[in-house]
PDB file of all heavy atoms in Angstrom:
ATOM      1  N   ARG A   1      75.774  -5.327  39.877  1.00  0.00           N
ATOM      2  CA  ARG A   1      74.709  -6.325  40.025  1.00  0.00           C
ATOM      3  C   ARG A   1      75.274  -7.585  40.659  1.00  0.00           C
ATOM      4  O   ARG A   1      76.478  -7.872  40.543  1.00  0.00           O
ATOM      5  CB  ARG A   1      74.143  -6.682  38.656  1.00  0.00           C
ATOM      6  CG  ARG A   1      73.491  -5.537  37.929  1.00  0.00           C
ATOM      7  CD  ARG A   1      72.946  -6.012  36.600  1.00  0.00           C
ATOM      8  NE  ARG A   1      73.985  -6.749  35.883  1.00  0.00           N
ATOM      9  CZ  ARG A   1      74.437  -6.453  34.683  1.00  0.00           C
ATOM     10  NH1 ARG A   1      73.951  -5.435  34.032  1.00  0.00           N
ATOM     11  NH2 ARG A   1      75.359  -7.174  34.108  1.00  0.00           N
ATOM     12  N   ALA A   2      74.408  -8.352  41.293  1.00  0.00           N
ATOM     13  CA  ALA A   2      74.806  -9.646  41.846  1.00  0.00           C
ATOM     14  C   ALA A   2      75.416 -10.481  40.723  1.00  0.00           C
ATOM     15  O   ALA A   2      74.913 -10.503  39.599  1.00  0.00           O
ATOM     16  CB  ALA A   2      73.603 -10.356  42.453  1.00  0.00           C
ATOM     17  N   GLY A   3      76.547 -11.120  41.022  1.00  0.00           N
ATOM     18  CA  GLY A   3      77.248 -11.934  40.038  1.00  0.00           C
ATOM     19  C   GLY A   3      78.399 -11.227  39.346  1.00  0.00           C
ATOM     20  O   GLY A   3      79.244 -11.878  38.738  1.00  0.00           O
ATOM     21  N   ASP A   4      78.439  -9.890  39.415  1.00  0.00           N
ATOM     22  CA  ASP A   4      79.543  -9.140  38.806  1.00  0.00           C
ATOM     23  C   ASP A   4      80.848  -9.417  39.556  1.00  0.00           C
ATOM     24  O   ASP A   4      80.857  -9.545  40.782  1.00  0.00           O
ATOM     25  CB  ASP A   4      79.284  -7.629  38.854  1.00  0.00           C
ATOM     26  CG  ASP A   4      78.253  -7.156  37.846  1.00  0.00           C
ATOM     27  OD1 ASP A   4      77.909  -7.929  36.926  1.00  0.00           O
ATOM     28  OD2 ASP A   4      77.787  -6.008  37.995  1.00  0.00           O
ATOM     29  N   LEU A   5      81.943  -9.476  38.818  1.00  0.00           N
ATOM     30  CA  LEU A   5      83.273  -9.620  39.410  1.00  0.00           C
ATOM     31  C   LEU A   5      83.840  -8.241  39.702  1.00  0.00           C
ATOM     32  O   LEU A   5      83.743  -7.349  38.857  1.00  0.00           O
ATOM     33  CB  LEU A   5      84.206 -10.369  38.450  1.00  0.00           C
ATOM     34  CG  LEU A   5      83.762 -11.759  38.025  1.00  0.00           C
ATOM     35  CD1 LEU A   5      84.730 -12.333  36.996  1.00  0.00           C
ATOM     36  CD2 LEU A   5      83.641 -12.681  39.214  1.00  0.00           C
ATOM     37  N   VAL A   6      84.426  -8.074  40.898  1.00  0.00           N
ATOM     38  CA  VAL A   6      84.949  -6.778  41.287  1.00  0.00           C
ATOM     39  C   VAL A   6      86.330  -6.902  41.922  1.00  0.00           C
ATOM     40  O   VAL A   6      86.712  -7.958  42.430  1.00  0.00           O
ATOM     41  CB  VAL A   6      84.014  -6.050  42.279  1.00  0.00           C
ATOM     42  CG1 VAL A   6      82.734  -5.618  41.605  1.00  0.00           C
ATOM     43  CG2 VAL A   6      83.729  -6.886  43.504  1.00  0.00           C
ATOM     44  N   GLU A   7      87.041  -5.783  41.868  1.00  0.00           N
ATOM     45  CA  GLU A   7      88.315  -5.614  42.553  1.00  0.00           C
ATOM     46  C   GLU A   7      88.099  -4.524  43.599  1.00  0.00           C
ATOM     47  O   GLU A   7      87.593  -3.450  43.274  1.00  0.00           O
ATOM     48  CB  GLU A   7      89.377  -5.177  41.555  1.00  0.00           C
ATOM     49  CG  GLU A   7      90.700  -4.799  42.185  1.00  0.00           C
ATOM     50  CD  GLU A   7      91.631  -4.180  41.168  1.00  0.00           C
ATOM     51  OE1 GLU A   7      92.318  -4.947  40.470  1.00  0.00           O
ATOM     52  OE2 GLU A   7      91.637  -2.939  41.054  1.00  0.00           O
ATOM     53  N   ILE A   8      88.474  -4.818  44.835  1.00  0.00           N
ATOM     54  CA  ILE A   8      88.366  -3.856  45.930  1.00  0.00           C
ATOM     55  C   ILE A   8      89.776  -3.594  46.428  1.00  0.00           C
ATOM     56  O   ILE A   8      90.481  -4.527  46.817  1.00  0.00           O
ATOM     57  CB  ILE A   8      87.478  -4.402  47.062  1.00  0.00           C
ATOM     58  CG1 ILE A   8      86.085  -4.706  46.520  1.00  0.00           C
ATOM     59  CG2 ILE A   8      87.424  -3.411  48.219  1.00  0.00           C
ATOM     60  CD1 ILE A   8      85.256  -5.564  47.440  1.00  0.00           C
ATOM     61  N   THR A   9      90.171  -2.324  46.403  1.00  0.00           N
ATOM     62  CA  THR A   9      91.521  -1.957  46.812  1.00  0.00           C
ATOM     63  C   THR A   9      91.454  -1.148  48.097  1.00  0.00           C
ATOM     64  O   THR A   9      90.820  -0.097  48.142  1.00  0.00           O
ATOM     65  CB  THR A   9      92.218  -1.129  45.717  1.00  0.00           C
ATOM     66  OG1 THR A   9      92.196  -1.869  44.497  1.00  0.00           O
ATOM     67  CG2 THR A   9      93.660  -0.834  46.094  1.00  0.00           C
ATOM     68  N   SER A  10      92.112  -1.674  49.129  1.00  0.00           N
ATOM     69  CA  SER A  10      92.247  -0.952  50.395  1.00  0.00           C
ATOM     70  C   SER A  10      93.718  -0.577  50.531  1.00  0.00           C
ATOM     71  O   SER A  10      94.555  -1.019  49.736  1.00  0.00           O
ATOM     72  CB  SER A  10      91.799  -1.832  51.564  1.00  0.00           C
ATOM     73  OG  SER A  10      92.771  -2.801  51.873  1.00  0.00           O
ATOM     74  N   PRO A  11      94.072   0.222  51.532  1.00  0.00           N
ATOM     75  CA  PRO A  11      95.481   0.582  51.687  1.00  0.00           C
ATOM     76  C   PRO A  11      96.417  -0.629  51.833  1.00  0.00           C
ATOM     77  O   PRO A  11      97.536  -0.595  51.343  1.00  0.00           O
ATOM     78  CB  PRO A  11      95.495   1.447  52.950  1.00  0.00           C
ATOM     79  CG  PRO A  11      94.128   2.036  53.007  1.00  0.00           C
ATOM     80  CD  PRO A  11      93.220   0.963  52.473  1.00  0.00           C
ATOM     81  N   ALA A  12      95.954  -1.684  52.455  1.00  0.00           N
ATOM     82  CA  ALA A  12      96.831  -2.829  52.718  1.00  0.00           C
ATOM     83  C   ALA A  12      96.531  -4.063  51.877  1.00  0.00           C
ATOM     84  O   ALA A  12      97.389  -4.925  51.727  1.00  0.00           O
ATOM     85  CB  ALA A  12      96.757  -3.212  54.193  1.00  0.00           C
ATOM     86  N   THR A  13      95.325  -4.171  51.321  1.00  0.00           N
ATOM     87  CA  THR A  13      94.899  -5.426  50.698  1.00  0.00           C
ATOM     88  C   THR A  13      94.182  -5.171  49.387  1.00  0.00           C
ATOM     89  O   THR A  13      93.432  -4.207  49.242  1.00  0.00           O
ATOM     90  CB  THR A  13      93.959  -6.197  51.649  1.00  0.00           C
ATOM     91  OG1 THR A  13      94.580  -6.318  52.926  1.00  0.00           O
ATOM     92  CG2 THR A  13      93.659  -7.585  51.125  1.00  0.00           C
ATOM     93  N   LEU A  14      94.398  -6.087  48.438  1.00  0.00           N
ATOM     94  CA  LEU A  14      93.664  -6.106  47.179  1.00  0.00           C
ATOM     95  C   LEU A  14      92.744  -7.325  47.235  1.00  0.00           C
ATOM     96  O   LEU A  14      93.217  -8.457  47.418  1.00  0.00           O
ATOM     97  CB  LEU A  14      94.628  -6.227  45.995  1.00  0.00           C
ATOM     98  CG  LEU A  14      93.999  -6.395  44.623  1.00  0.00           C
ATOM     99  CD1 LEU A  14      93.347  -5.090  44.190  1.00  0.00           C
ATOM    100  CD2 LEU A  14      95.027  -6.828  43.616  1.00  0.00           C
ATOM    101  N   TYR A  15      91.433  -7.088  47.133  1.00  0.00           N
ATOM    102  CA  TYR A  15      90.448  -8.163  47.185  1.00  0.00           C
ATOM    103  C   TYR A  15      89.872  -8.377  45.792  1.00  0.00           C
ATOM    104  O   TYR A  15      89.579  -7.415  45.080  1.00  0.00           O
ATOM    105  CB  TYR A  15      89.291  -7.803  48.117  1.00  0.00           C
ATOM    106  CG  TYR A  15      89.666  -7.529  49.538  1.00  0.00           C
ATOM    107  CD1 TYR A  15      89.812  -6.220  50.000  1.00  0.00           C
ATOM    108  CD2 TYR A  15      89.847  -8.568  50.443  1.00  0.00           C
ATOM    109  CE1 TYR A  15      90.138  -5.952  51.318  1.00  0.00           C
ATOM    110  CE2 TYR A  15      90.172  -8.307  51.769  1.00  0.00           C
ATOM    111  CZ  TYR A  15      90.315  -7.005  52.190  1.00  0.00           C
ATOM    112  OH  TYR A  15      90.631  -6.742  53.504  1.00  0.00           O
ATOM    113  N   LEU A  16      89.668  -9.636  45.425  1.00  0.00           N
ATOM    114  CA  LEU A  16      88.980  -9.991  44.194  1.00  0.00           C
ATOM    115  C   LEU A  16      87.787 -10.841  44.597  1.00  0.00           C
ATOM    116  O   LEU A  16      87.935 -11.796  45.381  1.00  0.00           O
ATOM    117  CB  LEU A  16      89.895 -10.777  43.252  1.00  0.00           C
ATOM    118  CG  LEU A  16      91.176 -10.052  42.828  1.00  0.00           C
ATOM    119  CD1 LEU A  16      92.076 -10.993  42.048  1.00  0.00           C
ATOM    120  CD2 LEU A  16      90.852  -8.810  42.024  1.00  0.00           C
ATOM    121  N   GLY A  17      86.605 -10.494  44.100  1.00  0.00           N
ATOM    122  CA  GLY A  17      85.433 -11.238  44.539  1.00  0.00           C
ATOM    123  C   GLY A  17      84.248 -11.081  43.617  1.00  0.00           C
ATOM    124  O   GLY A  17      84.325 -10.490  42.540  1.00  0.00           O
ATOM    125  N   VAL A  18      83.120 -11.620  44.100  1.00  0.00           N
ATOM    126  CA  VAL A  18      81.861 -11.644  43.360  1.00  0.00           C
ATOM    127  C   VAL A  18      80.809 -10.924  44.193  1.00  0.00           C
ATOM    128  O   VAL A  18      80.670 -11.195  45.388  1.00  0.00           O
ATOM    129  CB  VAL A  18      81.405 -13.097  43.104  1.00  0.00           C
ATOM    130  CG1 VAL A  18      80.081 -13.136  42.374  1.00  0.00           C
ATOM    131  CG2 VAL A  18      82.456 -13.878  42.358  1.00  0.00           C
ATOM    132  N   ILE A  19      80.066 -10.042  43.551  1.00  0.00           N
ATOM    133  CA  ILE A  19      78.997  -9.342  44.259  1.00  0.00           C
ATOM    134  C   ILE A  19      77.884 -10.333  44.573  1.00  0.00           C
ATOM    135  O   ILE A  19      77.392 -11.031  43.688  1.00  0.00           O
ATOM    136  CB  ILE A  19      78.445  -8.170  43.429  1.00  0.00           C
ATOM    137  CG1 ILE A  19      79.546  -7.132  43.204  1.00  0.00           C
ATOM    138  CG2 ILE A  19      77.219  -7.557  44.101  1.00  0.00           C
ATOM    139  CD1 ILE A  19      79.148  -6.013  42.276  1.00  0.00           C
ATOM    140  N   ARG A  20      77.513 -10.388  45.846  1.00  0.00           N
ATOM    141  CA  ARG A  20      76.399 -11.234  46.282  1.00  0.00           C
ATOM    142  C   ARG A  20      75.096 -10.455  46.285  1.00  0.00           C
ATOM    143  O   ARG A  20      74.043 -10.994  45.975  1.00  0.00           O
ATOM    144  CB  ARG A  20      76.653 -11.779  47.691  1.00  0.00           C
ATOM    145  CG  ARG A  20      77.748 -12.799  47.776  1.00  0.00           C
ATOM    146  CD  ARG A  20      77.283 -14.044  47.034  1.00  0.00           C
ATOM    147  NE  ARG A  20      78.382 -14.968  46.894  1.00  0.00           N
ATOM    148  CZ  ARG A  20      78.444 -16.146  47.474  1.00  0.00           C
ATOM    149  NH1 ARG A  20      77.476 -16.544  48.254  1.00  0.00           N
ATOM    150  NH2 ARG A  20      79.475 -16.923  47.266  1.00  0.00           N
ATOM    151  N   ASN A  21      75.186  -9.178  46.677  1.00  0.00           N
ATOM    152  CA  ASN A  21      73.993  -8.371  46.814  1.00  0.00           C
ATOM    153  C   ASN A  21      74.378  -6.913  46.621  1.00  0.00           C
ATOM    154  O   ASN A  21      75.376  -6.466  47.149  1.00  0.00           O
ATOM    155  CB  ASN A  21      73.400  -8.593  48.210  1.00  0.00           C
ATOM    156  CG  ASN A  21      72.067  -7.923  48.394  1.00  0.00           C
ATOM    157  OD1 ASN A  21      71.796  -6.883  47.811  1.00  0.00           O
ATOM    158  ND2 ASN A  21      71.227  -8.513  49.229  1.00  0.00           N
ATOM    159  N   SER A  22      73.569  -6.180  45.886  1.00  0.00           N
ATOM    160  CA  SER A  22      73.800  -4.754  45.697  1.00  0.00           C
ATOM    161  C   SER A  22      72.452  -4.053  45.708  1.00  0.00           C
ATOM    162  O   SER A  22      71.625  -4.291  44.831  1.00  0.00           O
ATOM    163  CB  SER A  22      74.520  -4.504  44.374  1.00  0.00           C
ATOM    164  OG  SER A  22      74.770  -3.134  44.195  1.00  0.00           O
ATOM    165  N   GLN A  23      72.239  -3.218  46.741  1.00  0.00           N
ATOM    166  CA  GLN A  23      70.982  -2.485  46.866  1.00  0.00           C
ATOM    167  C   GLN A  23      71.289  -1.037  47.214  1.00  0.00           C
ATOM    168  O   GLN A  23      71.808  -0.761  48.304  1.00  0.00           O
ATOM    169  CB  GLN A  23      70.097  -3.090  47.949  1.00  0.00           C
ATOM    170  CG  GLN A  23      69.602  -4.471  47.615  1.00  0.00           C
ATOM    171  CD  GLN A  23      68.713  -5.019  48.712  1.00  0.00           C
ATOM    172  OE1 GLN A  23      68.806  -4.626  49.866  1.00  0.00           O
ATOM    173  NE2 GLN A  23      67.850  -5.938  48.330  1.00  0.00           N
ATOM    174  N   GLY A  24      70.999  -0.154  46.303  1.00  0.00           N
ATOM    175  CA  GLY A  24      71.235   1.265  46.546  1.00  0.00           C
ATOM    176  C   GLY A  24      72.692   1.566  46.808  1.00  0.00           C
ATOM    177  O   GLY A  24      73.549   1.319  45.969  1.00  0.00           O
ATOM    178  N   GLU A  25      72.972   2.074  48.008  1.00  0.00           N
ATOM    179  CA  GLU A  25      74.333   2.471  48.376  1.00  0.00           C
ATOM    180  C   GLU A  25      75.067   1.385  49.148  1.00  0.00           C
ATOM    181  O   GLU A  25      76.171   1.608  49.648  1.00  0.00           O
ATOM    182  CB  GLU A  25      74.273   3.760  49.201  1.00  0.00           C
ATOM    183  CG  GLU A  25      73.684   4.909  48.411  1.00  0.00           C
ATOM    184  CD  GLU A  25      73.149   6.014  49.293  1.00  0.00           C
ATOM    185  OE1 GLU A  25      73.237   5.902  50.531  1.00  0.00           O
ATOM    186  OE2 GLU A  25      72.632   6.986  48.736  1.00  0.00           O
ATOM    187  N   ARG A  26      74.498   0.177  49.252  1.00  0.00           N
ATOM    188  CA  ARG A  26      75.085  -0.911  50.040  1.00  0.00           C
ATOM    189  C   ARG A  26      75.367  -2.103  49.134  1.00  0.00           C
ATOM    190  O   ARG A  26      74.586  -2.421  48.238  1.00  0.00           O
ATOM    191  CB  ARG A  26      74.113  -1.321  51.129  1.00  0.00           C
ATOM    192  CG  ARG A  26      74.668  -2.294  52.097  1.00  0.00           C
ATOM    193  CD  ARG A  26      74.517  -1.684  53.491  1.00  0.00           C
ATOM    194  NE  ARG A  26      74.952  -2.600  54.506  1.00  0.00           N
ATOM    195  CZ  ARG A  26      76.085  -2.458  55.153  1.00  0.00           C
ATOM    196  NH1 ARG A  26      76.879  -1.452  54.894  1.00  0.00           N
ATOM    197  NH2 ARG A  26      76.436  -3.307  56.068  1.00  0.00           N
ATOM    198  N   MET A  27      76.507  -2.774  49.380  1.00  0.00           N
ATOM    199  CA  MET A  27      76.883  -3.925  48.570  1.00  0.00           C
ATOM    200  C   MET A  27      77.583  -4.957  49.448  1.00  0.00           C
ATOM    201  O   MET A  27      78.342  -4.602  50.347  1.00  0.00           O
ATOM    202  CB  MET A  27      77.820  -3.466  47.441  1.00  0.00           C
ATOM    203  CG  MET A  27      78.238  -4.569  46.505  1.00  0.00           C
ATOM    204  SD  MET A  27      79.036  -3.925  45.014  1.00  0.00           S
ATOM    205  CE  MET A  27      80.594  -3.392  45.643  1.00  0.00           C
ATOM    206  N   THR A  28      77.333  -6.236  49.161  1.00  0.00           N
ATOM    207  CA  THR A  28      78.019  -7.334  49.833  1.00  0.00           C
ATOM    208  C   THR A  28      78.800  -8.112  48.780  1.00  0.00           C
ATOM    209  O   THR A  28      78.256  -8.454  47.727  1.00  0.00           O
ATOM    210  CB  THR A  28      77.019  -8.269  50.537  1.00  0.00           C
ATOM    211  OG1 THR A  28      76.245  -7.501  51.456  1.00  0.00           O
ATOM    212  CG2 THR A  28      77.742  -9.380  51.284  1.00  0.00           C
ATOM    213  N   VAL A  29      80.077  -8.392  49.086  1.00  0.00           N
ATOM    214  CA  VAL A  29      80.960  -9.087  48.147  1.00  0.00           C
ATOM    215  C   VAL A  29      81.524 -10.346  48.812  1.00  0.00           C
ATOM    216  O   VAL A  29      81.994 -10.297  49.952  1.00  0.00           O
ATOM    217  CB  VAL A  29      82.124  -8.169  47.719  1.00  0.00           C
ATOM    218  CG1 VAL A  29      83.118  -8.918  46.830  1.00  0.00           C
ATOM    219  CG2 VAL A  29      81.599  -6.936  47.000  1.00  0.00           C
ATOM    220  N   ALA A  30      81.455 -11.460  48.093  1.00  0.00           N
ATOM    221  CA  ALA A  30      82.107 -12.695  48.528  1.00  0.00           C
ATOM    222  C   ALA A  30      83.530 -12.670  47.989  1.00  0.00           C
ATOM    223  O   ALA A  30      83.738 -12.639  46.774  1.00  0.00           O
ATOM    224  CB  ALA A  30      81.361 -13.923  48.001  1.00  0.00           C
ATOM    225  N   VAL A  31      84.511 -12.667  48.880  1.00  0.00           N
ATOM    226  CA  VAL A  31      85.913 -12.553  48.489  1.00  0.00           C
ATOM    227  C   VAL A  31      86.442 -13.922  48.056  1.00  0.00           C
ATOM    228  O   VAL A  31      86.331 -14.904  48.785  1.00  0.00           O
ATOM    229  CB  VAL A  31      86.761 -11.992  49.645  1.00  0.00           C
ATOM    230  CG1 VAL A  31      88.237 -12.005  49.287  1.00  0.00           C
ATOM    231  CG2 VAL A  31      86.307 -10.591  49.995  1.00  0.00           C
ATOM    232  N   GLU A  32      86.998 -13.961  46.855  1.00  0.00           N
ATOM    233  CA  GLU A  32      87.633 -15.174  46.331  1.00  0.00           C
ATOM    234  C   GLU A  32      89.132 -15.179  46.609  1.00  0.00           C
ATOM    235  O   GLU A  32      89.716 -16.214  46.852  1.00  0.00           O
ATOM    236  CB  GLU A  32      87.378 -15.288  44.825  1.00  0.00           C
ATOM    237  CG  GLU A  32      85.921 -15.400  44.446  1.00  0.00           C
ATOM    238  CD  GLU A  32      85.295 -16.718  44.862  1.00  0.00           C
ATOM    239  OE1 GLU A  32      85.992 -17.746  44.873  1.00  0.00           O
ATOM    240  OE2 GLU A  32      84.088 -16.693  45.199  1.00  0.00           O
ATOM    241  N   HIS A  33      89.749 -13.992  46.535  1.00  0.00           N
ATOM    242  CA  HIS A  33      91.195 -13.853  46.761  1.00  0.00           C
ATOM    243  C   HIS A  33      91.457 -12.551  47.502  1.00  0.00           C
ATOM    244  O   HIS A  33      90.863 -11.523  47.178  1.00  0.00           O
ATOM    245  CB  HIS A  33      91.976 -13.820  45.442  1.00  0.00           C
ATOM    246  CG  HIS A  33      91.777 -15.025  44.595  1.00  0.00           C
ATOM    247  ND1 HIS A  33      92.345 -16.239  44.871  1.00  0.00           N
ATOM    248  CD2 HIS A  33      91.032 -15.205  43.481  1.00  0.00           C
ATOM    249  CE1 HIS A  33      91.976 -17.117  43.958  1.00  0.00           C
ATOM    250  NE2 HIS A  33      91.173 -16.517  43.111  1.00  0.00           N
ATOM    251  N   ALA A  34      92.356 -12.606  48.486  1.00  0.00           N
ATOM    252  CA  ALA A  34      92.806 -11.415  49.201  1.00  0.00           C
ATOM    253  C   ALA A  34      94.330 -11.408  49.148  1.00  0.00           C
ATOM    254  O   ALA A  34      94.973 -12.363  49.587  1.00  0.00           O
ATOM    255  CB  ALA A  34      92.315 -11.436  50.649  1.00  0.00           C
ATOM    256  N   LEU A  35      94.888 -10.361  48.572  1.00  0.00           N
ATOM    257  CA  LEU A  35      96.330 -10.273  48.375  1.00  0.00           C
ATOM    258  C   LEU A  35      96.890  -9.096  49.159  1.00  0.00           C
ATOM    259  O   LEU A  35      96.406  -7.968  49.022  1.00  0.00           O
ATOM    260  CB  LEU A  35      96.647 -10.084  46.890  1.00  0.00           C
ATOM    261  CG  LEU A  35      96.052 -11.127  45.949  1.00  0.00           C
ATOM    262  CD1 LEU A  35      96.111 -10.638  44.523  1.00  0.00           C
ATOM    263  CD2 LEU A  35      96.777 -12.437  46.109  1.00  0.00           C
ATOM    264  N   ASP A  36      97.914  -9.349  49.951  1.00  0.00           N
ATOM    265  CA  ASP A  36      98.604  -8.283  50.679  1.00  0.00           C
ATOM    266  C   ASP A  36      99.319  -7.409  49.646  1.00  0.00           C
ATOM    267  O   ASP A  36     100.116  -7.904  48.846  1.00  0.00           O
ATOM    268  CB  ASP A  36      99.592  -8.908  51.662  1.00  0.00           C
ATOM    269  CG  ASP A  36     100.381  -7.863  52.404  1.00  0.00           C
ATOM    270  OD1 ASP A  36     101.436  -7.438  51.883  1.00  0.00           O
ATOM    271  OD2 ASP A  36      99.946  -7.471  53.500  1.00  0.00           O
ATOM    272  N   ARG A  37      99.040  -6.115  49.654  1.00  0.00           N
ATOM    273  CA  ARG A  37      99.589  -5.228  48.624  1.00  0.00           C
ATOM    274  C   ARG A  37     101.102  -5.078  48.723  1.00  0.00           C
ATOM    275  O   ARG A  37     101.780  -4.929  47.705  1.00  0.00           O
ATOM    276  CB  ARG A  37      98.905  -3.870  48.678  1.00  0.00           C
ATOM    277  CG  ARG A  37      97.442  -3.998  48.236  1.00  0.00           C
ATOM    278  CD  ARG A  37      96.739  -2.706  48.135  1.00  0.00           C
ATOM    279  NE  ARG A  37      97.363  -1.902  47.086  1.00  0.00           N
ATOM    280  CZ  ARG A  37      97.174  -0.609  46.947  1.00  0.00           C
ATOM    281  NH1 ARG A  37      96.393   0.033  47.785  1.00  0.00           N
ATOM    282  NH2 ARG A  37      97.749   0.057  45.993  1.00  0.00           N
TER     283      ARG A  37
END
């Protein structure tokens, strides 16, 4: 849901952020921190 805190892990980067919008299979996240893994 919008407002939830999430961790997004990619091969190179760890993102920490807040969900701005979540509808069905699509989500937008505002990134607060991006860390090189």
